[in-house]
């Protein structure tokens, strides 16, 4: 036991369970996290696409209004910036495979890949960029911890559902 042990015990597992990564260029920042989840992709998809339920299980979302369907609009409030509402459009919706939302500067993509072994690889990627990005980049907080927490929250929520389904 070292000095960090109490900190590790008291800190949510989500902080250490996943390894979000961020790449940066002058005009773009991209953050990605992946998690392997033992579940049917239909179960994961149902949870991801129920917008009104996100604040219950997803501790990174303060509120999420709207419907996940092609061309629909959603309004998201993140816990990183709870006072700000993000008005986004569902750009792509491939049932149990891929969901993309965004606006002119931001695009978030969720993908589910069936691994044929009873697991699904969940990946979430957010790209922020554009010609004006360099002027605003320093004001945009890091998403790594939030993405790690999102993946952990999703997996934690799926485990009880999956166990009931078995």
Protein backbone atom coordinates (compact mmCIF):
# COMPACT_ATOMS: atom_id res chain seq x y z
CA UNK A 1 0.00 0.00 0.00
CA UNK A 2 1.43 3.37 -1.00
CA UNK A 3 0.28 6.98 -0.66
CA UNK A 4 -1.90 6.70 -3.78
CA UNK A 5 -3.85 3.66 -2.56
CA UNK A 6 -6.46 5.66 -0.57
CA UNK A 7 -6.93 7.95 -3.56
CA UNK A 8 -7.43 5.00 -5.89
CA UNK A 9 -9.94 3.41 -3.53
CA UNK A 10 -11.94 6.62 -3.17
CA UNK A 11 -11.83 7.59 -6.86
CA UNK A 12 -14.50 6.08 -9.12
CA UNK A 13 -13.28 3.13 -11.17
CA UNK A 14 -14.34 5.00 -14.29
CA UNK A 15 -11.32 7.26 -13.94
CA UNK A 16 -8.93 4.34 -14.44
CA UNK A 17 -10.98 1.77 -16.36
CA UNK A 18 -10.61 3.17 -19.87
CA UNK A 19 -7.96 4.97 -21.82
CA UNK A 20 -9.44 7.81 -23.85
CA UNK A 21 -6.97 9.34 -26.24
CA UNK A 22 -6.84 12.74 -27.85
CA UNK A 23 -5.01 13.80 -30.97
CA UNK A 24 -4.54 17.44 -31.92
CA UNK A 25 -3.59 19.38 -34.99
CA UNK A 26 -3.77 23.12 -35.58
CA UNK A 27 -7.37 22.98 -36.81
CA UNK A 28 -8.71 19.79 -35.17
CA UNK A 29 -8.98 17.88 -31.92
CA UNK A 30 -10.25 14.30 -31.80
CA UNK A 31 -10.96 12.30 -28.64
CA UNK A 32 -11.77 8.58 -28.71
CA UNK A 33 -12.62 5.92 -26.15
CA UNK A 34 -13.52 2.26 -26.63
CA UNK A 35 -14.92 -0.40 -24.33
CA UNK A 36 -15.60 -4.09 -24.83
CA UNK A 37 -18.99 -4.94 -23.38
CA UNK A 38 -20.44 -8.41 -22.94
CA UNK A 39 -23.92 -7.82 -24.33
CA UNK A 40 -25.99 -7.92 -27.47
CA UNK A 41 -25.60 -4.74 -29.51
CA UNK A 42 -29.40 -4.28 -29.46
CA UNK A 43 -29.28 -3.83 -25.67
CA UNK A 44 -26.46 -1.27 -25.89
CA UNK A 45 -28.16 0.50 -28.80
CA UNK A 46 -31.46 0.78 -26.91
CA UNK A 47 -29.66 2.44 -24.01
CA UNK A 48 -27.61 4.81 -26.20
CA UNK A 49 -30.59 5.95 -28.25
CA UNK A 50 -33.00 6.67 -25.38
CA UNK A 51 -32.17 10.38 -25.06
CA UNK A 52 -34.36 11.15 -22.06
CA UNK A 53 -32.78 8.28 -20.06
CA UNK A 54 -29.16 9.43 -20.48
CA UNK A 55 -29.05 11.66 -17.36
CA UNK A 56 -30.15 8.69 -15.22
CA UNK A 57 -27.23 6.42 -16.11
CA UNK A 58 -24.72 8.73 -17.80
CA UNK A 59 -23.00 10.96 -15.24
CA UNK A 60 -21.42 13.08 -18.02
CA UNK A 61 -24.80 14.38 -19.22
CA UNK A 62 -26.75 17.00 -17.25
CA UNK A 63 -29.69 16.80 -19.68
CA UNK A 64 -30.48 15.48 -23.13
CA UNK A 65 -33.67 16.33 -24.96
CA UNK A 66 -34.90 15.23 -28.36
CA UNK A 67 -35.11 12.03 -30.34
CA UNK A 68 -32.35 10.00 -31.88
CA UNK A 69 -33.55 9.54 -35.43
CA UNK A 70 -32.19 10.65 -38.82
CA UNK A 71 -32.40 14.43 -39.22
CA UNK A 72 -33.82 15.03 -35.72
CA UNK A 73 -32.45 17.66 -33.37
CA UNK A 74 -31.25 17.14 -29.83
CA UNK A 75 -30.29 19.59 -27.09
CA UNK A 76 -27.47 18.45 -24.83
CA UNK A 77 -26.12 19.89 -21.60
CA UNK A 78 -22.83 18.34 -20.55
CA UNK A 79 -21.62 18.25 -16.98
CA UNK A 80 -18.41 19.87 -18.31
CA UNK A 81 -20.43 22.97 -19.27
CA UNK A 82 -23.83 22.58 -17.60
CA UNK A 83 -24.83 26.22 -18.22
CA UNK A 84 -24.43 25.84 -21.99
CA UNK A 85 -26.89 24.05 -24.29
CA UNK A 86 -25.55 22.38 -27.42
CA UNK A 87 -28.08 22.22 -30.25
CA UNK A 88 -27.12 19.28 -32.40
CA UNK A 89 -28.52 17.36 -35.35
CA UNK A 90 -28.59 13.59 -35.79
CA UNK A 91 -26.51 13.21 -38.95
CA UNK A 92 -26.37 9.44 -39.24
CA UNK A 93 -28.40 6.63 -37.69
CA UNK A 94 -27.65 3.00 -38.57
CA UNK A 95 -29.63 0.87 -36.15
CA UNK A 96 -27.43 -1.04 -33.67
CA UNK A 97 -24.30 0.06 -35.59
CA UNK A 98 -23.65 3.80 -35.78
CA UNK A 99 -25.01 7.09 -34.45
CA UNK A 100 -23.56 10.48 -35.40
CA UNK A 101 -24.65 13.85 -34.05
CA UNK A 102 -23.14 17.28 -34.35
CA UNK A 103 -23.19 20.81 -35.66
CA UNK A 104 -20.88 22.76 -37.94
CA UNK A 105 -17.89 22.47 -35.59
CA UNK A 106 -18.44 19.28 -33.61
CA UNK A 107 -19.22 15.71 -34.61
CA UNK A 108 -19.67 12.85 -32.14
CA UNK A 109 -19.78 9.31 -33.47
CA UNK A 110 -20.87 6.19 -31.59
CA UNK A 111 -20.18 2.81 -33.17
CA UNK A 112 -20.98 -0.73 -32.08
CA UNK A 113 -19.03 -3.65 -33.52
CA UNK A 114 -20.15 -7.22 -32.84
CA UNK A 115 -17.08 -9.28 -32.02
CA UNK A 116 -18.80 -12.67 -32.60
CA UNK A 117 -17.81 -13.86 -29.12
CA UNK A 118 -20.73 -12.42 -27.15
CA UNK A 119 -19.05 -9.04 -26.82
CA UNK A 120 -19.47 -5.72 -28.57
CA UNK A 121 -16.84 -3.04 -29.00
CA UNK A 122 -18.34 0.35 -28.21
CA UNK A 123 -16.39 3.32 -29.57
CA UNK A 124 -17.13 7.00 -29.08
CA UNK A 125 -15.20 9.66 -31.01
CA UNK A 126 -15.63 13.41 -31.01
CA UNK A 127 -14.04 15.69 -33.58
CA UNK A 128 -13.94 19.43 -33.00
CA UNK A 129 -12.42 21.69 -35.57
CA UNK A 130 -12.55 24.22 -38.33
CA UNK A 131 -10.73 27.32 -39.48
CA UNK A 132 -11.58 29.21 -36.27
CA UNK A 133 -10.62 26.29 -33.99
CA UNK A 134 -7.15 27.64 -33.07
CA UNK A 135 -8.76 30.76 -31.57
CA UNK A 136 -11.09 28.72 -29.32
CA UNK A 137 -9.07 25.57 -28.59
CA UNK A 138 -7.66 26.80 -25.28
CA UNK A 139 -11.19 27.34 -23.91
CA UNK A 140 -12.41 23.81 -24.68
CA UNK A 141 -11.83 21.46 -21.74
CA UNK A 142 -10.20 18.08 -22.17
CA UNK A 143 -12.72 15.29 -22.82
CA UNK A 144 -10.50 12.36 -21.80
CA UNK A 145 -11.84 11.95 -18.25
CA UNK A 146 -15.42 12.56 -19.37
CA UNK A 147 -15.09 9.96 -22.15
CA UNK A 148 -13.61 7.42 -19.73
CA UNK A 149 -16.53 8.04 -17.38
CA UNK A 150 -19.08 7.75 -20.21
CA UNK A 151 -17.68 4.34 -21.22
CA UNK A 152 -17.62 3.13 -17.61
CA UNK A 153 -21.18 4.37 -16.99
CA UNK A 154 -22.42 2.61 -20.12
CA UNK A 155 -20.75 -0.67 -19.20
CA UNK A 156 -21.96 -0.42 -15.59
CA UNK A 157 -25.53 0.17 -16.78
CA UNK A 158 -25.41 -2.70 -19.30
CA UNK A 159 -24.14 -5.34 -16.84
CA UNK A 160 -27.38 -5.59 -14.77
CA UNK A 161 -29.52 -5.48 -17.94
CA UNK A 162 -27.44 -8.21 -19.58
CA UNK A 163 -27.57 -10.41 -16.48
CA UNK A 164 -31.39 -10.17 -16.43
CA UNK A 165 -31.51 -11.11 -20.11
CA UNK A 166 -29.46 -14.31 -19.56
